[in-house]
């Protein structure tokens, strides 16, 4: 079997880069849509099936095209809305940006007309994979944020969530046998270590 050889000048593949991430998960194939469904299901801890990707940018056909910014906006079969993104280096205002995007996704639903009400609003999820920089001060690699009363510890039981996965916090997890990893941990390890060029 011939060996693959890369030159120093080659543009190597890393799934943590926006264009590569989008190329894997937005192709018009059952494998790509199935992978996106499995990823989202793992992160929201509930089985969903992606029915459509809402076009907000051209799909990536050339993985070397770095001009297209990644942002997968999709709809599940049950109508729930999900925005998934990979962020290499989040800015200090990242939490506000995530809140803005989930709010935009949630309030963008059309409930006008006779027979429609707030009860028709579907769940909305903003999922962000933080690839490089450690962002939150704790040791947890995953967080799910929602509206709640911090004094009385009561959730509003709203329908919008912000989910983050920090790939910089996997040092202990990577030491676990693969069979003992949770599905979320397995996805995190996949994203952190599936690359041909170190960051």
C-alpha atoms as a PDB file:
ATOM      1  CA  UNK A   1       0.000   0.000   0.000  1.00  0.00           C
ATOM      2  CA  UNK A   2       1.510   3.385  -0.988  1.00  0.00           C
ATOM      3  CA  UNK A   3       2.178   5.850   1.804  1.00  0.00           C
ATOM      4  CA  UNK A   4       0.655   9.319   1.805  1.00  0.00           C
ATOM      5  CA  UNK A   5       3.244  12.066   1.833  1.00  0.00           C
ATOM      6  CA  UNK A   6       2.531  15.717   2.614  1.00  0.00           C
ATOM      7  CA  UNK A   7       4.784  18.635   1.785  1.00  0.00           C
ATOM      8  CA  UNK A   8       5.365  21.439   4.303  1.00  0.00           C
ATOM      9  CA  UNK A   9       3.392  23.763   2.041  1.00  0.00           C
ATOM     10  CA  UNK A  10       0.326  21.472   1.838  1.00  0.00           C
ATOM     11  CA  UNK A  11      -2.954  22.685   3.303  1.00  0.00           C
ATOM     12  CA  UNK A  12      -3.719  19.780   5.650  1.00  0.00           C
ATOM     13  CA  UNK A  13      -7.164  18.741   6.807  1.00  0.00           C
ATOM     14  CA  UNK A  14      -8.415  19.502  10.317  1.00  0.00           C
ATOM     15  CA  UNK A  15     -12.077  18.951  11.128  1.00  0.00           C
ATOM     16  CA  UNK A  16     -11.928  21.826  13.623  1.00  0.00           C
ATOM     17  CA  UNK A  17     -11.622  24.335  10.800  1.00  0.00           C
ATOM     18  CA  UNK A  18     -14.912  25.859   9.712  1.00  0.00           C
ATOM     19  CA  UNK A  19     -14.802  24.771   6.095  1.00  0.00           C
ATOM     20  CA  UNK A  20     -13.863  21.160   6.832  1.00  0.00           C
ATOM     21  CA  UNK A  21     -16.507  20.882   9.559  1.00  0.00           C
ATOM     22  CA  UNK A  22     -19.159  22.231   7.234  1.00  0.00           C
ATOM     23  CA  UNK A  23     -17.993  20.001   4.378  1.00  0.00           C
ATOM     24  CA  UNK A  24     -18.467  16.894   6.530  1.00  0.00           C
ATOM     25  CA  UNK A  25     -21.890  17.745   7.940  1.00  0.00           C
ATOM     26  CA  UNK A  26     -23.707  19.603   5.137  1.00  0.00           C
ATOM     27  CA  UNK A  27     -23.303  17.348   2.115  1.00  0.00           C
ATOM     28  CA  UNK A  28     -26.523  16.267   0.452  1.00  0.00           C
ATOM     29  CA  UNK A  29     -26.008  12.603   1.371  1.00  0.00           C
ATOM     30  CA  UNK A  30     -27.651  10.260   3.840  1.00  0.00           C
ATOM     31  CA  UNK A  31     -24.287   9.719   5.587  1.00  0.00           C
ATOM     32  CA  UNK A  32     -23.718  13.442   6.119  1.00  0.00           C
ATOM     33  CA  UNK A  33     -27.261  14.113   7.315  1.00  0.00           C
ATOM     34  CA  UNK A  34     -27.122  11.008   9.506  1.00  0.00           C
ATOM     35  CA  UNK A  35     -23.857  12.151  11.100  1.00  0.00           C
ATOM     36  CA  UNK A  36     -25.324  15.594  11.807  1.00  0.00           C
ATOM     37  CA  UNK A  37     -28.426  13.982  13.342  1.00  0.00           C
ATOM     38  CA  UNK A  38     -26.254  11.760  15.571  1.00  0.00           C
ATOM     39  CA  UNK A  39     -24.079  14.696  16.659  1.00  0.00           C
ATOM     40  CA  UNK A  40     -27.049  16.866  17.615  1.00  0.00           C
ATOM     41  CA  UNK A  41     -28.820  13.951  19.323  1.00  0.00           C
ATOM     42  CA  UNK A  42     -25.729  13.289  21.444  1.00  0.00           C
ATOM     43  CA  UNK A  43     -25.404  16.914  22.517  1.00  0.00           C
ATOM     44  CA  UNK A  44     -29.062  17.520  23.374  1.00  0.00           C
ATOM     45  CA  UNK A  45     -29.365  14.034  24.962  1.00  0.00           C
ATOM     46  CA  UNK A  46     -32.416  13.142  22.909  1.00  0.00           C
ATOM     47  CA  UNK A  47     -32.847  11.434  19.553  1.00  0.00           C
ATOM     48  CA  UNK A  48     -33.655  13.774  16.662  1.00  0.00           C
ATOM     49  CA  UNK A  49     -33.464  13.471  12.895  1.00  0.00           C
ATOM     50  CA  UNK A  50     -32.360  16.421  10.776  1.00  0.00           C
ATOM     51  CA  UNK A  51     -34.859  16.925   7.970  1.00  0.00           C
ATOM     52  CA  UNK A  52     -33.342  19.980   6.295  1.00  0.00           C
ATOM     53  CA  UNK A  53     -30.430  22.366   6.381  1.00  0.00           C
ATOM     54  CA  UNK A  54     -31.546  25.978   6.137  1.00  0.00           C
ATOM     55  CA  UNK A  55     -29.243  27.701   3.688  1.00  0.00           C
ATOM     56  CA  UNK A  56     -27.633  30.786   5.137  1.00  0.00           C
ATOM     57  CA  UNK A  57     -24.352  30.391   3.270  1.00  0.00           C
ATOM     58  CA  UNK A  58     -23.239  28.387   0.233  1.00  0.00           C
ATOM     59  CA  UNK A  59     -22.370  24.775   1.099  1.00  0.00           C
ATOM     60  CA  UNK A  60     -18.684  23.952   1.060  1.00  0.00           C
ATOM     61  CA  UNK A  61     -17.696  21.932  -1.995  1.00  0.00           C
ATOM     62  CA  UNK A  62     -13.992  22.640  -1.794  1.00  0.00           C
ATOM     63  CA  UNK A  63     -12.507  21.996   1.653  1.00  0.00           C
ATOM     64  CA  UNK A  64      -9.689  24.417   0.830  1.00  0.00           C
ATOM     65  CA  UNK A  65     -12.073  27.344   0.445  1.00  0.00           C
ATOM     66  CA  UNK A  66     -11.423  29.357   3.606  1.00  0.00           C
ATOM     67  CA  UNK A  67     -13.612  32.290   2.604  1.00  0.00           C
ATOM     68  CA  UNK A  68     -16.848  30.596   3.719  1.00  0.00           C
ATOM     69  CA  UNK A  69     -17.600  30.833   7.431  1.00  0.00           C
ATOM     70  CA  UNK A  70     -19.151  27.804   9.053  1.00  0.00           C
ATOM     71  CA  UNK A  71     -22.662  27.912  10.440  1.00  0.00           C
ATOM     72  CA  UNK A  72     -25.062  24.971  10.134  1.00  0.00           C
ATOM     73  CA  UNK A  73     -28.643  26.082  10.641  1.00  0.00           C
ATOM     74  CA  UNK A  74     -30.978  23.094  10.463  1.00  0.00           C
ATOM     75  CA  UNK A  75     -34.477  21.872  11.230  1.00  0.00           C
ATOM     76  CA  UNK A  76     -35.392  18.525  12.788  1.00  0.00           C
ATOM     77  CA  UNK A  77     -38.300  16.396  11.587  1.00  0.00           C
ATOM     78  CA  UNK A  78     -40.324  17.541  14.617  1.00  0.00           C
ATOM     79  CA  UNK A  79     -39.746  21.206  13.699  1.00  0.00           C
ATOM     80  CA  UNK A  80     -37.088  21.961  16.317  1.00  0.00           C
ATOM     81  CA  UNK A  81     -34.391  24.423  15.227  1.00  0.00           C
ATOM     82  CA  UNK A  82     -30.680  23.905  15.718  1.00  0.00           C
ATOM     83  CA  UNK A  83     -27.673  26.056  14.895  1.00  0.00           C
ATOM     84  CA  UNK A  84     -24.315  24.269  15.138  1.00  0.00           C
ATOM     85  CA  UNK A  85     -20.916  25.902  14.818  1.00  0.00           C
ATOM     86  CA  UNK A  86     -17.241  25.271  15.397  1.00  0.00           C
ATOM     87  CA  UNK A  87     -15.309  28.150  16.995  1.00  0.00           C
ATOM     88  CA  UNK A  88     -11.523  28.035  17.159  1.00  0.00           C
ATOM     89  CA  UNK A  89     -10.875  31.065  19.361  1.00  0.00           C
ATOM     90  CA  UNK A  90     -13.956  32.549  21.047  1.00  0.00           C
ATOM     91  CA  UNK A  91     -13.980  36.229  21.915  1.00  0.00           C
ATOM     92  CA  UNK A  92     -14.562  37.481  25.446  1.00  0.00           C
ATOM     93  CA  UNK A  93     -18.181  38.284  24.557  1.00  0.00           C
ATOM     94  CA  UNK A  94     -18.900  34.726  23.353  1.00  0.00           C
ATOM     95  CA  UNK A  95     -21.741  34.052  25.875  1.00  0.00           C
ATOM     96  CA  UNK A  96     -23.622  37.161  24.708  1.00  0.00           C
ATOM     97  CA  UNK A  97     -23.141  36.163  21.073  1.00  0.00           C
ATOM     98  CA  UNK A  98     -24.498  32.680  21.779  1.00  0.00           C
ATOM     99  CA  UNK A  99     -27.488  34.126  23.625  1.00  0.00           C
ATOM    100  CA  UNK A 100     -28.152  36.428  20.671  1.00  0.00           C
ATOM    101  CA  UNK A 101     -28.068  33.569  18.159  1.00  0.00           C
ATOM    102  CA  UNK A 102     -30.354  31.250  20.114  1.00  0.00           C
ATOM    103  CA  UNK A 103     -32.735  34.162  20.693  1.00  0.00           C
ATOM    104  CA  UNK A 104     -32.754  34.958  16.988  1.00  0.00           C
ATOM    105  CA  UNK A 105     -33.376  31.317  16.131  1.00  0.00           C
ATOM    106  CA  UNK A 106     -36.219  31.023  18.658  1.00  0.00           C
ATOM    107  CA  UNK A 107     -37.998  34.284  17.843  1.00  0.00           C
ATOM    108  CA  UNK A 108     -37.653  33.736  14.099  1.00  0.00           C
ATOM    109  CA  UNK A 109     -40.450  31.166  14.218  1.00  0.00           C
ATOM    110  CA  UNK A 110     -43.717  32.228  12.628  1.00  0.00           C
ATOM    111  CA  UNK A 111     -46.684  31.835  14.973  1.00  0.00           C
ATOM    112  CA  UNK A 112     -48.889  34.432  13.316  1.00  0.00           C
ATOM    113  CA  UNK A 113     -52.355  33.552  12.138  1.00  0.00           C
ATOM    114  CA  UNK A 114     -55.560  32.017  13.366  1.00  0.00           C
ATOM    115  CA  UNK A 115     -55.134  28.901  15.427  1.00  0.00           C
ATOM    116  CA  UNK A 116     -51.477  29.556  16.295  1.00  0.00           C
ATOM    117  CA  UNK A 117     -50.143  30.441  19.735  1.00  0.00           C
ATOM    118  CA  UNK A 118     -46.963  30.471  21.815  1.00  0.00           C
ATOM    119  CA  UNK A 119     -47.569  26.768  22.430  1.00  0.00           C
ATOM    120  CA  UNK A 120     -46.596  26.193  18.784  1.00  0.00           C
ATOM    121  CA  UNK A 121     -43.060  27.458  19.347  1.00  0.00           C
ATOM    122  CA  UNK A 122     -40.494  24.681  18.941  1.00  0.00           C
ATOM    123  CA  UNK A 123     -37.292  24.069  20.877  1.00  0.00           C
ATOM    124  CA  UNK A 124     -34.292  26.072  19.639  1.00  0.00           C
ATOM    125  CA  UNK A 125     -30.669  25.070  20.268  1.00  0.00           C
ATOM    126  CA  UNK A 126     -27.450  26.988  19.736  1.00  0.00           C
ATOM    127  CA  UNK A 127     -24.606  24.448  19.820  1.00  0.00           C
ATOM    128  CA  UNK A 128     -21.032  25.699  19.817  1.00  0.00           C
ATOM    129  CA  UNK A 129     -17.919  23.541  19.852  1.00  0.00           C
ATOM    130  CA  UNK A 130     -15.047  25.593  21.277  1.00  0.00           C
ATOM    131  CA  UNK A 131     -11.989  24.074  19.664  1.00  0.00           C
ATOM    132  CA  UNK A 132      -8.877  25.655  21.123  1.00  0.00           C
ATOM    133  CA  UNK A 133      -9.228  28.096  23.936  1.00  0.00           C
ATOM    134  CA  UNK A 134     -10.429  27.132  27.419  1.00  0.00           C
ATOM    135  CA  UNK A 135     -13.414  29.377  27.997  1.00  0.00           C
ATOM    136  CA  UNK A 136     -15.303  28.563  31.200  1.00  0.00           C
ATOM    137  CA  UNK A 137     -13.313  28.403  34.440  1.00  0.00           C
ATOM    138  CA  UNK A 138     -14.551  24.996  35.612  1.00  0.00           C
ATOM    139  CA  UNK A 139     -13.331  21.552  34.512  1.00  0.00           C
ATOM    140  CA  UNK A 140     -16.523  20.419  32.745  1.00  0.00           C
ATOM    141  CA  UNK A 141     -16.117  20.103  28.984  1.00  0.00           C
ATOM    142  CA  UNK A 142     -19.861  20.427  28.297  1.00  0.00           C
ATOM    143  CA  UNK A 143     -22.440  22.951  29.478  1.00  0.00           C
ATOM    144  CA  UNK A 144     -26.149  23.390  28.778  1.00  0.00           C
ATOM    145  CA  UNK A 145     -27.532  26.834  29.562  1.00  0.00           C
ATOM    146  CA  UNK A 146     -31.175  27.779  29.933  1.00  0.00           C
ATOM    147  CA  UNK A 147     -33.255  30.411  31.697  1.00  0.00           C
ATOM    148  CA  UNK A 148     -33.669  29.786  35.409  1.00  0.00           C
ATOM    149  CA  UNK A 149     -34.028  31.544  38.750  1.00  0.00           C
ATOM    150  CA  UNK A 150     -30.533  31.326  40.309  1.00  0.00           C
ATOM    151  CA  UNK A 151     -31.760  32.131  43.839  1.00  0.00           C
ATOM    152  CA  UNK A 152     -34.532  29.557  44.045  1.00  0.00           C
ATOM    153  CA  UNK A 153     -32.968  27.124  41.540  1.00  0.00           C
ATOM    154  CA  UNK A 154     -36.124  26.888  39.453  1.00  0.00           C
ATOM    155  CA  UNK A 155     -36.022  26.520  35.682  1.00  0.00           C
ATOM    156  CA  UNK A 156     -38.320  28.584  33.503  1.00  0.00           C
ATOM    157  CA  UNK A 157     -38.768  25.431  31.382  1.00  0.00           C
ATOM    158  CA  UNK A 158     -38.348  27.557  28.298  1.00  0.00           C
ATOM    159  CA  UNK A 159     -37.652  26.230  24.851  1.00  0.00           C
ATOM    160  CA  UNK A 160     -34.235  27.676  24.060  1.00  0.00           C
ATOM    161  CA  UNK A 161     -30.864  26.226  25.029  1.00  0.00           C
ATOM    162  CA  UNK A 162     -27.217  27.118  24.533  1.00  0.00           C
ATOM    163  CA  UNK A 163     -24.925  24.078  24.530  1.00  0.00           C
ATOM    164  CA  UNK A 164     -21.137  24.340  24.545  1.00  0.00           C
ATOM    165  CA  UNK A 165     -18.423  21.707  24.198  1.00  0.00           C
ATOM    166  CA  UNK A 166     -14.839  22.696  25.084  1.00  0.00           C
ATOM    167  CA  UNK A 167     -12.230  20.525  23.398  1.00  0.00           C
ATOM    168  CA  UNK A 168      -9.432  21.943  25.553  1.00  0.00           C
ATOM    169  CA  UNK A 169     -10.728  20.055  28.626  1.00  0.00           C
ATOM    170  CA  UNK A 170     -10.279  16.460  27.492  1.00  0.00           C
ATOM    171  CA  UNK A 171      -6.977  15.518  29.150  1.00  0.00           C
ATOM    172  CA  UNK A 172      -8.573  13.084  31.642  1.00  0.00           C
ATOM    173  CA  UNK A 173     -11.245  11.858  29.246  1.00  0.00           C
ATOM    174  CA  UNK A 174      -8.765  10.796  26.552  1.00  0.00           C
ATOM    175  CA  UNK A 175      -7.195   8.401  29.080  1.00  0.00           C
ATOM    176  CA  UNK A 176     -10.448   6.434  29.420  1.00  0.00           C
ATOM    177  CA  UNK A 177     -10.984   3.232  27.420  1.00  0.00           C
ATOM    178  CA  UNK A 178     -13.230   3.993  24.435  1.00  0.00           C
ATOM    179  CA  UNK A 179     -15.887   1.584  25.706  1.00  0.00           C
ATOM    180  CA  UNK A 180     -16.232   3.582  28.929  1.00  0.00           C
ATOM    181  CA  UNK A 181     -16.735   6.957  27.249  1.00  0.00           C
ATOM    182  CA  UNK A 182     -20.132   8.590  27.051  1.00  0.00           C
ATOM    183  CA  UNK A 183     -21.430   9.446  23.591  1.00  0.00           C
ATOM    184  CA  UNK A 184     -20.672  13.133  24.268  1.00  0.00           C
ATOM    185  CA  UNK A 185     -17.103  12.275  25.303  1.00  0.00           C
ATOM    186  CA  UNK A 186     -16.630  10.157  22.169  1.00  0.00           C
ATOM    187  CA  UNK A 187     -17.721  13.040  19.923  1.00  0.00           C
ATOM    188  CA  UNK A 188     -15.424  15.448  21.775  1.00  0.00           C
ATOM    189  CA  UNK A 189     -12.434  13.104  21.361  1.00  0.00           C
ATOM    190  CA  UNK A 190     -13.277  12.696  17.677  1.00  0.00           C
ATOM    191  CA  UNK A 191     -13.247  16.450  17.092  1.00  0.00           C
ATOM    192  CA  UNK A 192     -10.179  17.086  19.210  1.00  0.00           C
ATOM    193  CA  UNK A 193      -7.940  14.434  17.713  1.00  0.00           C
ATOM    194  CA  UNK A 194      -9.180  13.859  14.145  1.00  0.00           C
ATOM    195  CA  UNK A 195      -6.720  16.093  12.346  1.00  0.00           C
ATOM    196  CA  UNK A 196      -3.598  15.826  10.252  1.00  0.00           C
ATOM    197  CA  UNK A 197      -1.991  19.017  11.460  1.00  0.00           C
ATOM    198  CA  UNK A 198      -1.529  20.123  15.084  1.00  0.00           C
ATOM    199  CA  UNK A 199      -3.109  23.419  16.170  1.00  0.00           C
END
